[in-house]
Structure formats: C-alpha cells, structure tokens
Amino acid sequence: MQEEAALGDELLSKVLSDRYDVELAEVTLVPMGTETINRRVALTDGRRVFVKQYQAAADLEHAQTAWDMSEFCRAARVPVPRLWPNRDGDVLTRFEDVAWVVTDEAPGRVATGPLTVPRAQHIGLMLGRMHRALASYPPPARVRQTRWRTADVEPVAAATETVLDRAAAQRDHRLDQLQVELAQRRDDLRTHVPRLRAGLPDSLVAQAAHADFTRTNLLAQEDVVTAILDFQGETCLLSWELGRAAFDPRTVANSPSWMLCALRMIEAYRVENPDLPLADVRASARIALLYMLFSLYGATTAEYGLPGEAEADLRRYWAERQVTIRCLLSNLDDLETALGTIGQGW
C-alpha cells in the first residue's frame, strides 16, 4: 500500500492536469480506506477535492456501480459529494494501470463520539431518504451476505478458537481478556441465535442500498449530516442497514441516551421512508444483534497492517461491540415494545 501511495503521488499531478485540466498545489494522504488510497488535494485555483486511487486488483466494474448509485442519490437531495467527470465525461479515470475518482471535498468531519439525539434524527432522515430513492434503482448484482440469518452457528463458534490462536501468535496484550470475551461469544451464539431468528419476519425487504452506512462513512457539522461517503453498491436488507446505524456501538457503549437515539433515528427514518413494512422496522434491533454476534471483526488487528491510530480505533470498536451485545440482549424486550409503537396510526 505504501509503495502504491508513493507511485500515486507521482502520477496524481499528471492525472489532474491531463484529464481534469486543473493543477495540483498540495496533497495530503488520508490514512483510511481498505480498497483505495485516499488524498485531500488543494488545487492552484483555490478549490479542494478528494481523490480516490483504486488499487490494481480492484473490481472497477463494481466501483462504477457504487459511484453511479452515489450520483443517483445526490439527485434525490441526499448529501453526497459531487463527482468530477474527466474531460471525456467519465467518472473513473484509468491512467497507467491505476484508476482514479475525483469528488468535491465535503464539509464536516467523522464524529468520534456517541450520537446525540438531534444527530441521530438527522441520520435517520437521510437514511430514509436514501432508501426511498434507491427503491427505484436497479438492484446491484452483488448481494450483502446474511449469514446471521441462516448460517450454521457451529463454524462461527469454532472460529473463535482460531481467532484466539491468532491473538496468541501475535502476542496480543489483551489475550486473557479476549479468551473471556470469545468464550462468551460462543455461549451467546449457541444460546441466543435460535430464539432471535425465530422472532424474525419470514420475508424482509431487500433492494439497492449503501451497504456500509456507518459512523466512519458519515461527515457531520454539529448535528447535521453533511456528506455520505463510500457507497458499496450492493443489494441488502433495509432492516439490516437501519439497525446497524441505529444501534451504533460507540453510542450504545458510551451514552446513557443510546436507546432514545436509536428510537428517534428509526422514527425519523419512517418520516422519509414510510413504505418499509413495519415488521421490518421492528425487527431492526434483533437483526443488529444477530449481525454483531456473527462478526469477529476487530478481535485481532495486527493482520490488517493498519496505522497506529486506526488499529487503536479498531480495538476500541471490538470492545464497544461487546458492550453493545450485552446491552441489546438485556434490553431487547423493552426495545421491541418501543419499536412496536412506531408507525401506529400512520
């Protein structure tokens, strides 16, 4: 990745000049992104842009789908950064076996703390607006996995032992704590998954969606969402995307208002997207819990080769997910009772 970034720095000025008719003044590498190398760029005319460089092995056909979906949502008044077409009118610019995308640099920043109730409400409005717009978008061929819904529990339970072995090999200083947490996860999978699945609707709405609508892909100023980033361009269950946003682990683990934030977000979502069946809306908490139970992401971090700050954030994410699972298990009945009142009389 570092070698690609260095090569990209050399090529970037030429790409902007030859394909976009603008000149580079200053570039800053942004240490995030797993499939792209990202840069903030100041131009000589005073404008600022955000540039994504796709790695050589990237699926550019799928990337094109994601950017097309992003532009479709921008036309529906969803806050999405404006794409810069190159001089040939293309969004993806291929140059010396590398692909580039240029967008406006969006205002705002990724929030590092828990949600506030007003911000949760605005996120709900934007997610609902996006889902309502994408209901008429052709469903992408790539479908988000739903192993939390149908997969056998035992392979996931067995994978916790593999994760623990990896942590030991990496000399992870959290090894004793991880041993306790992963044992708890095995027990939770075997104890709770069957009953959680039994309470799901037989049919759930699937359509084109963002598919990674999380805190790190939202920019905000105060309590207003200013940009939605990094569409994955997949077909997924809307109740999964709603639940994943509403029960954000950073908020659940750190805010006494987490339940109010979740309920206000879902209520606001319904204002913009009243067509999602109430059964799907009410299942969102249960689905969020199932999804977290089936994910071991963040239990170990060394294999990702992340910068120090990003690795620390991933470890924090894992810890917050453990707290969130316990909170949702303890409060699921109350949550579903509250969710059952949403939409009454509509």
Protein backbone atom coordinates (compact mmCIF):
# COMPACT_ATOMS: atom_id res chain seq x y z
CA MET A 1 0.00 0.00 0.00
CA GLN A 2 2.80 2.46 0.86
CA GLU A 3 4.55 1.79 -2.45
CA GLU A 4 1.27 2.37 -4.32
CA ALA A 5 0.74 5.62 -2.41
CA ALA A 6 4.20 6.86 -3.39
CA LEU A 7 3.63 5.96 -7.01
CA GLY A 8 0.23 7.65 -6.86
CA ASP A 9 1.75 10.88 -5.57
CA GLU A 10 3.98 10.97 -8.61
CA LEU A 11 1.11 10.32 -11.02
CA LEU A 12 -1.56 12.46 -9.40
CA SER A 13 -0.36 15.83 -10.67
CA LYS A 14 -0.24 14.49 -14.21
CA VAL A 15 -3.70 12.90 -13.94
CA LEU A 16 -5.28 16.13 -12.72
CA SER A 17 -3.55 18.20 -15.37
CA ASP A 18 -4.06 15.87 -18.35
CA ARG A 19 -7.55 14.55 -17.56
CA TYR A 20 -9.20 17.27 -15.46
CA ASP A 21 -7.47 20.44 -16.68
CA VAL A 22 -6.55 21.57 -13.15
CA GLU A 23 -3.19 21.91 -11.39
CA LEU A 24 -2.20 20.43 -8.06
CA ALA A 25 -0.92 22.74 -5.30
CA GLU A 26 -0.79 20.47 -2.25
CA VAL A 27 -1.71 16.88 -1.41
CA THR A 28 -2.36 15.15 1.94
CA LEU A 29 -2.64 11.38 2.30
CA VAL A 30 -5.71 10.31 4.29
CA PRO A 31 -4.91 7.18 6.39
CA MET A 32 -8.17 5.33 5.84
CA GLY A 33 -9.71 3.02 3.29
CA THR A 34 -9.05 -0.66 2.66
CA GLU A 35 -9.65 -0.82 -1.10
CA THR A 36 -8.47 2.66 -2.07
CA ILE A 37 -5.70 5.14 -1.31
CA ASN A 38 -7.31 8.46 -0.42
CA ARG A 39 -5.97 12.01 -0.66
CA ARG A 40 -7.17 15.51 0.06
CA VAL A 41 -5.92 17.82 -2.64
CA ALA A 42 -5.67 21.60 -2.85
CA LEU A 43 -5.69 22.98 -6.41
CA THR A 44 -3.89 26.09 -7.62
CA ASP A 45 -7.25 27.82 -8.28
CA GLY A 46 -8.17 27.53 -4.58
CA ARG A 47 -10.63 24.65 -4.89
CA ARG A 48 -10.25 21.49 -2.81
CA VAL A 49 -11.02 17.96 -3.96
CA PHE A 50 -10.92 14.44 -2.61
CA VAL A 51 -9.18 11.84 -4.76
CA LYS A 52 -9.52 8.06 -4.55
CA GLN A 53 -6.87 5.86 -6.12
CA TYR A 54 -8.03 2.29 -6.70
CA GLN A 55 -5.53 -0.48 -6.24
CA ALA A 56 -4.58 -2.56 -9.26
CA ALA A 57 -6.67 -5.55 -8.17
CA ALA A 58 -9.85 -3.52 -7.54
CA ASP A 59 -13.15 -4.52 -9.14
CA LEU A 60 -13.66 -1.38 -11.23
CA GLU A 61 -16.94 -2.54 -12.68
CA HIS A 62 -18.36 -2.76 -9.20
CA ALA A 63 -16.77 0.58 -8.27
CA GLN A 64 -18.57 2.15 -11.22
CA THR A 65 -21.86 0.75 -9.93
CA ALA A 66 -21.22 2.27 -6.49
CA TRP A 67 -20.42 5.71 -7.95
CA ASP A 68 -23.49 5.59 -10.22
CA MET A 69 -25.61 4.86 -7.16
CA SER A 70 -23.98 7.73 -5.28
CA GLU A 71 -24.85 10.19 -8.07
CA PHE A 72 -28.40 8.83 -8.24
CA CYS A 73 -28.82 9.61 -4.54
CA ARG A 74 -27.30 13.08 -4.90
CA ALA A 75 -30.02 13.88 -7.45
CA ALA A 76 -32.58 12.88 -4.79
CA ARG A 77 -31.22 15.50 -2.33
CA VAL A 78 -29.12 13.06 -0.34
CA PRO A 79 -25.90 14.80 0.84
CA VAL A 80 -23.35 13.11 -1.38
CA PRO A 81 -20.17 14.82 -2.64
CA ARG A 82 -20.32 15.90 -6.28
CA LEU A 83 -18.34 13.75 -8.69
CA TRP A 84 -15.91 15.34 -11.13
CA PRO A 85 -16.15 13.82 -14.60
CA ASN A 86 -12.90 13.90 -16.52
CA ARG A 87 -12.57 15.67 -19.85
CA ASP A 88 -14.08 12.61 -21.62
CA GLY A 89 -17.10 12.63 -19.30
CA ASP A 90 -16.02 9.52 -17.37
CA VAL A 91 -16.18 9.18 -13.59
CA LEU A 92 -13.46 6.52 -13.34
CA THR A 93 -10.20 7.71 -14.87
CA ARG A 94 -7.82 4.94 -15.89
CA PHE A 95 -4.22 6.07 -16.06
CA GLU A 96 -1.14 3.84 -16.19
CA ASP A 97 -2.93 0.76 -14.80
CA VAL A 98 -4.40 2.76 -11.93
CA ALA A 99 -7.94 4.13 -11.60
CA TRP A 100 -8.86 7.47 -10.06
CA VAL A 101 -12.05 9.20 -8.91
CA VAL A 102 -12.24 12.90 -8.03
CA THR A 103 -15.01 14.48 -5.94
CA ASP A 104 -15.61 17.75 -4.18
CA GLU A 105 -14.11 17.78 -0.71
CA ALA A 106 -17.17 17.64 1.52
CA PRO A 107 -17.53 19.83 4.61
CA GLY A 108 -17.70 18.29 8.06
CA ARG A 109 -15.82 15.50 9.78
CA VAL A 110 -16.33 11.98 11.05
CA ALA A 111 -17.78 12.17 14.55
CA THR A 112 -15.59 10.41 17.09
CA GLY A 113 -18.06 10.44 19.98
CA PRO A 114 -21.51 8.95 20.60
CA LEU A 115 -24.54 10.16 18.71
CA THR A 116 -26.66 12.97 20.07
CA VAL A 117 -30.43 12.71 19.72
CA PRO A 118 -30.61 15.51 17.10
CA ARG A 119 -27.82 13.96 15.03
CA ALA A 120 -29.47 10.54 15.28
CA GLN A 121 -32.69 12.07 13.97
CA HIS A 122 -30.92 13.69 11.02
CA ILE A 123 -29.12 10.46 10.19
CA GLY A 124 -32.48 8.69 10.22
CA LEU A 125 -33.94 11.25 7.85
CA MET A 126 -31.03 10.93 5.41
CA LEU A 127 -31.03 7.13 5.53
CA GLY A 128 -34.78 7.05 4.95
CA ARG A 129 -34.48 9.48 2.03
CA MET A 130 -31.69 7.40 0.52
CA HIS A 131 -33.61 4.14 0.84
CA ARG A 132 -36.76 5.71 -0.63
CA ALA A 133 -34.79 7.00 -3.62
CA LEU A 134 -32.99 3.69 -4.18
CA ALA A 135 -36.26 1.73 -4.21
CA SER A 136 -36.43 2.59 -7.92
CA TYR A 137 -32.75 1.82 -8.59
CA PRO A 138 -31.92 -1.50 -10.33
CA PRO A 139 -30.77 -3.96 -7.64
CA PRO A 140 -26.99 -4.49 -7.94
CA ALA A 141 -25.74 -7.98 -8.71
CA ARG A 142 -23.55 -8.01 -5.61
CA VAL A 143 -25.62 -9.02 -2.56
CA ARG A 144 -24.61 -8.37 1.05
CA GLN A 145 -24.19 -11.65 2.95
CA THR A 146 -26.80 -12.59 5.56
CA ARG A 147 -25.11 -15.45 7.36
CA TRP A 148 -26.52 -14.04 10.61
CA ARG A 149 -29.92 -15.05 9.27
CA THR A 150 -29.31 -18.59 8.03
CA ALA A 151 -25.76 -19.85 8.64
CA ASP A 152 -24.91 -22.70 10.98
CA VAL A 153 -23.75 -21.38 14.35
CA GLU A 154 -21.07 -24.01 14.98
CA PRO A 155 -18.49 -22.92 12.35
CA VAL A 156 -18.62 -19.38 13.76
CA ALA A 157 -18.29 -20.70 17.31
CA ALA A 158 -15.28 -22.76 16.19
CA ALA A 159 -13.77 -19.69 14.51
CA THR A 160 -13.46 -18.03 17.93
CA GLU A 161 -10.76 -20.60 18.78
CA THR A 162 -8.90 -19.74 15.57
CA VAL A 163 -9.07 -16.05 16.47
CA LEU A 164 -7.68 -16.77 19.93
CA ASP A 165 -4.80 -18.75 18.43
CA ARG A 166 -4.05 -15.84 16.09
CA ALA A 167 -4.05 -13.40 19.01
CA ALA A 168 -1.60 -15.65 20.87
CA ALA A 169 0.68 -15.81 17.83
CA GLN A 170 0.57 -12.02 17.57
CA ARG A 171 1.42 -11.72 21.29
CA ASP A 172 -1.68 -9.61 21.79
CA HIS A 173 -1.57 -7.97 25.20
CA ARG A 174 -5.33 -8.49 25.54
CA LEU A 175 -5.06 -12.28 25.35
CA ASP A 176 -6.62 -13.05 28.75
CA GLN A 177 -9.47 -10.64 28.12
CA LEU A 178 -10.04 -12.00 24.62
CA GLN A 179 -10.22 -15.52 25.99
CA VAL A 180 -13.11 -14.49 28.24
CA GLU A 181 -14.84 -12.46 25.52
CA LEU A 182 -14.62 -15.18 22.90
CA ALA A 183 -15.88 -17.82 25.32
CA GLN A 184 -18.84 -15.52 25.99
CA ARG A 185 -19.40 -15.16 22.25
CA ARG A 186 -19.52 -18.93 21.77
CA ASP A 187 -22.07 -19.19 24.54
CA ASP A 188 -24.15 -16.33 23.13
CA LEU A 189 -24.18 -17.85 19.65
CA ARG A 190 -25.40 -21.20 20.89
CA THR A 191 -27.84 -19.82 23.47
CA HIS A 192 -29.45 -16.84 21.77
CA VAL A 193 -29.28 -17.20 17.98
CA PRO A 194 -32.12 -19.76 17.61
CA ARG A 195 -34.62 -17.67 19.58
CA LEU A 196 -33.53 -14.42 17.94
CA ARG A 197 -34.01 -15.93 14.50
CA ALA A 198 -37.39 -17.34 15.47
CA GLY A 199 -38.67 -13.80 16.02
CA LEU A 200 -37.72 -12.51 12.55
CA PRO A 201 -40.33 -11.94 9.82
CA ASP A 202 -40.39 -14.64 7.14
CA SER A 203 -39.82 -12.01 4.45
CA LEU A 204 -37.61 -8.91 4.63
CA VAL A 205 -37.27 -6.14 2.03
CA ALA A 206 -34.04 -6.19 0.01
CA GLN A 207 -33.04 -3.54 -2.54
CA ALA A 208 -30.15 -1.36 -3.65
CA ALA A 209 -28.57 0.29 -0.62
CA HIS A 210 -25.38 1.90 0.65
CA ALA A 211 -24.35 -1.33 2.43
CA ASP A 212 -21.76 0.35 4.68
CA PHE A 213 -23.79 3.15 6.27
CA THR A 214 -21.69 3.52 9.42
CA ARG A 215 -20.23 6.33 11.52
CA THR A 216 -16.93 6.38 9.61
CA ASN A 217 -18.72 6.99 6.29
CA LEU A 218 -20.73 9.97 7.53
CA LEU A 219 -19.46 13.54 7.81
CA ALA A 220 -21.28 15.96 10.08
CA GLN A 221 -21.20 19.56 11.24
CA GLU A 222 -22.74 19.90 14.66
CA ASP A 223 -25.81 17.64 14.38
CA VAL A 224 -26.31 17.85 10.61
CA VAL A 225 -25.08 15.18 8.21
CA THR A 226 -23.10 16.97 5.50
CA ALA A 227 -21.88 14.02 3.45
CA ILE A 228 -22.46 10.30 2.98
CA LEU A 229 -19.35 8.59 1.64
CA ASP A 230 -18.15 5.28 0.19
CA PHE A 231 -21.25 3.61 -1.22
CA GLN A 232 -20.64 -0.13 -1.56
CA GLY A 233 -23.24 -0.51 -4.31
CA GLU A 234 -24.88 -3.71 -3.10
CA THR A 235 -28.31 -5.21 -2.67
CA CYS A 236 -29.05 -5.65 1.01
CA LEU A 237 -31.81 -5.89 3.60
CA LEU A 238 -33.03 -2.43 4.57
CA SER A 239 -33.80 -3.51 8.13
CA TRP A 240 -30.16 -4.63 8.50
CA GLU A 241 -28.84 -1.26 7.30
CA LEU A 242 -31.30 0.60 9.55
CA GLY A 243 -30.47 -1.49 12.61
CA ARG A 244 -26.74 -1.21 12.05
CA ALA A 245 -26.99 2.59 12.01
CA ALA A 246 -29.47 2.91 14.89
CA PHE A 247 -27.52 0.67 17.28
CA ASP A 248 -24.11 2.21 16.65
CA PRO A 249 -21.70 0.56 19.13
CA ARG A 250 -19.94 3.81 20.01
CA THR A 251 -23.27 5.24 21.12
CA VAL A 252 -24.69 2.17 22.84
CA ALA A 253 -21.46 1.53 24.76
CA ASN A 254 -20.86 5.12 25.85
CA SER A 255 -24.12 7.07 26.05
CA PRO A 256 -26.95 6.75 28.58
CA SER A 257 -29.22 8.09 25.82
CA TRP A 258 -28.42 5.29 23.37
CA MET A 259 -31.93 3.84 23.36
CA LEU A 260 -33.53 7.23 22.82
CA CYS A 261 -31.08 7.92 19.98
CA ALA A 262 -31.98 4.64 18.32
CA LEU A 263 -35.72 5.17 18.62
CA ARG A 264 -35.56 8.77 17.37
CA MET A 265 -33.43 7.69 14.41
CA ILE A 266 -35.91 4.99 13.45
CA GLU A 267 -38.87 7.33 13.88
CA ALA A 268 -37.17 9.91 11.64
CA TYR A 269 -36.39 7.19 9.10
CA ARG A 270 -40.10 6.39 8.89
CA VAL A 271 -40.88 10.01 8.09
CA GLU A 272 -38.77 9.79 4.91
CA ASN A 273 -39.42 6.15 4.05
CA PRO A 274 -42.89 5.13 5.24
CA ASP A 275 -43.02 2.31 2.66
CA LEU A 276 -40.70 -0.02 4.56
CA PRO A 277 -43.05 -2.54 6.25
CA LEU A 278 -43.42 -2.03 9.97
CA ALA A 279 -42.42 -5.65 10.56
CA ASP A 280 -39.02 -4.86 9.01
CA VAL A 281 -38.65 -1.69 11.09
CA ARG A 282 -39.48 -3.52 14.30
CA ALA A 283 -37.01 -6.31 13.50
CA SER A 284 -34.08 -3.90 13.18
CA ALA A 285 -32.82 -4.28 16.78
CA ARG A 286 -32.93 -8.07 16.62
CA ILE A 287 -31.13 -8.03 13.27
CA ALA A 288 -28.43 -5.65 14.56
CA LEU A 289 -27.83 -8.02 17.48
CA LEU A 290 -27.63 -11.10 15.27
CA TYR A 291 -25.23 -9.35 12.91
CA MET A 292 -22.88 -8.43 15.77
CA LEU A 293 -22.98 -11.92 17.22
CA PHE A 294 -21.80 -13.36 13.90
CA SER A 295 -18.95 -10.86 13.43
CA LEU A 296 -15.47 -11.38 14.90
CA TYR A 297 -14.04 -8.32 13.14
CA GLY A 298 -11.63 -6.41 15.36
CA ALA A 299 -10.88 -9.22 17.81
CA THR A 300 -7.36 -9.19 16.37
CA THR A 301 -5.83 -6.32 14.45
CA ALA A 302 -2.21 -6.98 13.51
CA GLU A 303 -3.12 -8.82 10.30
CA TYR A 304 -4.61 -5.65 8.77
CA GLY A 305 -1.38 -3.66 8.83
CA LEU A 306 -3.18 -0.51 9.96
CA PRO A 307 -1.58 2.75 11.14
CA GLY A 308 -1.39 3.01 14.92
CA GLU A 309 -4.39 5.30 15.29
CA ALA A 310 -6.58 3.15 13.06
CA GLU A 311 -5.52 -0.03 14.87
CA ALA A 312 -6.42 1.52 18.24
CA ASP A 313 -9.80 2.57 16.85
CA LEU A 314 -10.49 -0.98 15.63
CA ARG A 315 -9.64 -2.39 19.05
CA ARG A 316 -11.98 0.13 20.62
CA TYR A 317 -14.67 -0.90 18.13
CA TRP A 318 -14.34 -4.52 19.19
CA ALA A 319 -14.64 -3.58 22.88
CA GLU A 320 -17.68 -1.39 22.20
CA ARG A 321 -19.34 -4.18 20.28
CA GLN A 322 -19.01 -6.47 23.30
CA VAL A 323 -20.78 -3.91 25.47
CA THR A 324 -23.43 -3.35 22.80
CA ILE A 325 -24.23 -7.06 22.54
CA ARG A 326 -24.81 -7.24 26.29
CA CYS A 327 -26.98 -4.09 26.24
CA LEU A 328 -29.13 -5.35 23.40
CA LEU A 329 -29.56 -8.78 24.94
CA SER A 330 -30.59 -7.19 28.25
CA ASN A 331 -32.96 -4.65 26.74
CA LEU A 332 -34.37 -6.39 23.67
CA ASP A 333 -37.87 -6.87 25.07
CA ASP A 334 -38.17 -3.19 26.02
CA LEU A 335 -36.71 -2.12 22.68
CA GLU A 336 -39.10 -4.23 20.67
CA THR A 337 -42.04 -3.00 22.71
CA ALA A 338 -40.99 0.60 21.94
CA LEU A 339 -40.40 -0.21 18.28
CA GLY A 340 -43.86 -1.75 18.16
CA THR A 341 -45.40 1.66 18.77
CA ILE A 342 -43.62 3.28 15.80
CA GLY A 343 -45.96 3.89 12.91
CA GLN A 344 -49.17 3.37 14.84
CA GLY A 345 -51.92 5.41 13.31
CA TRP A 346 -49.96 6.16 10.11
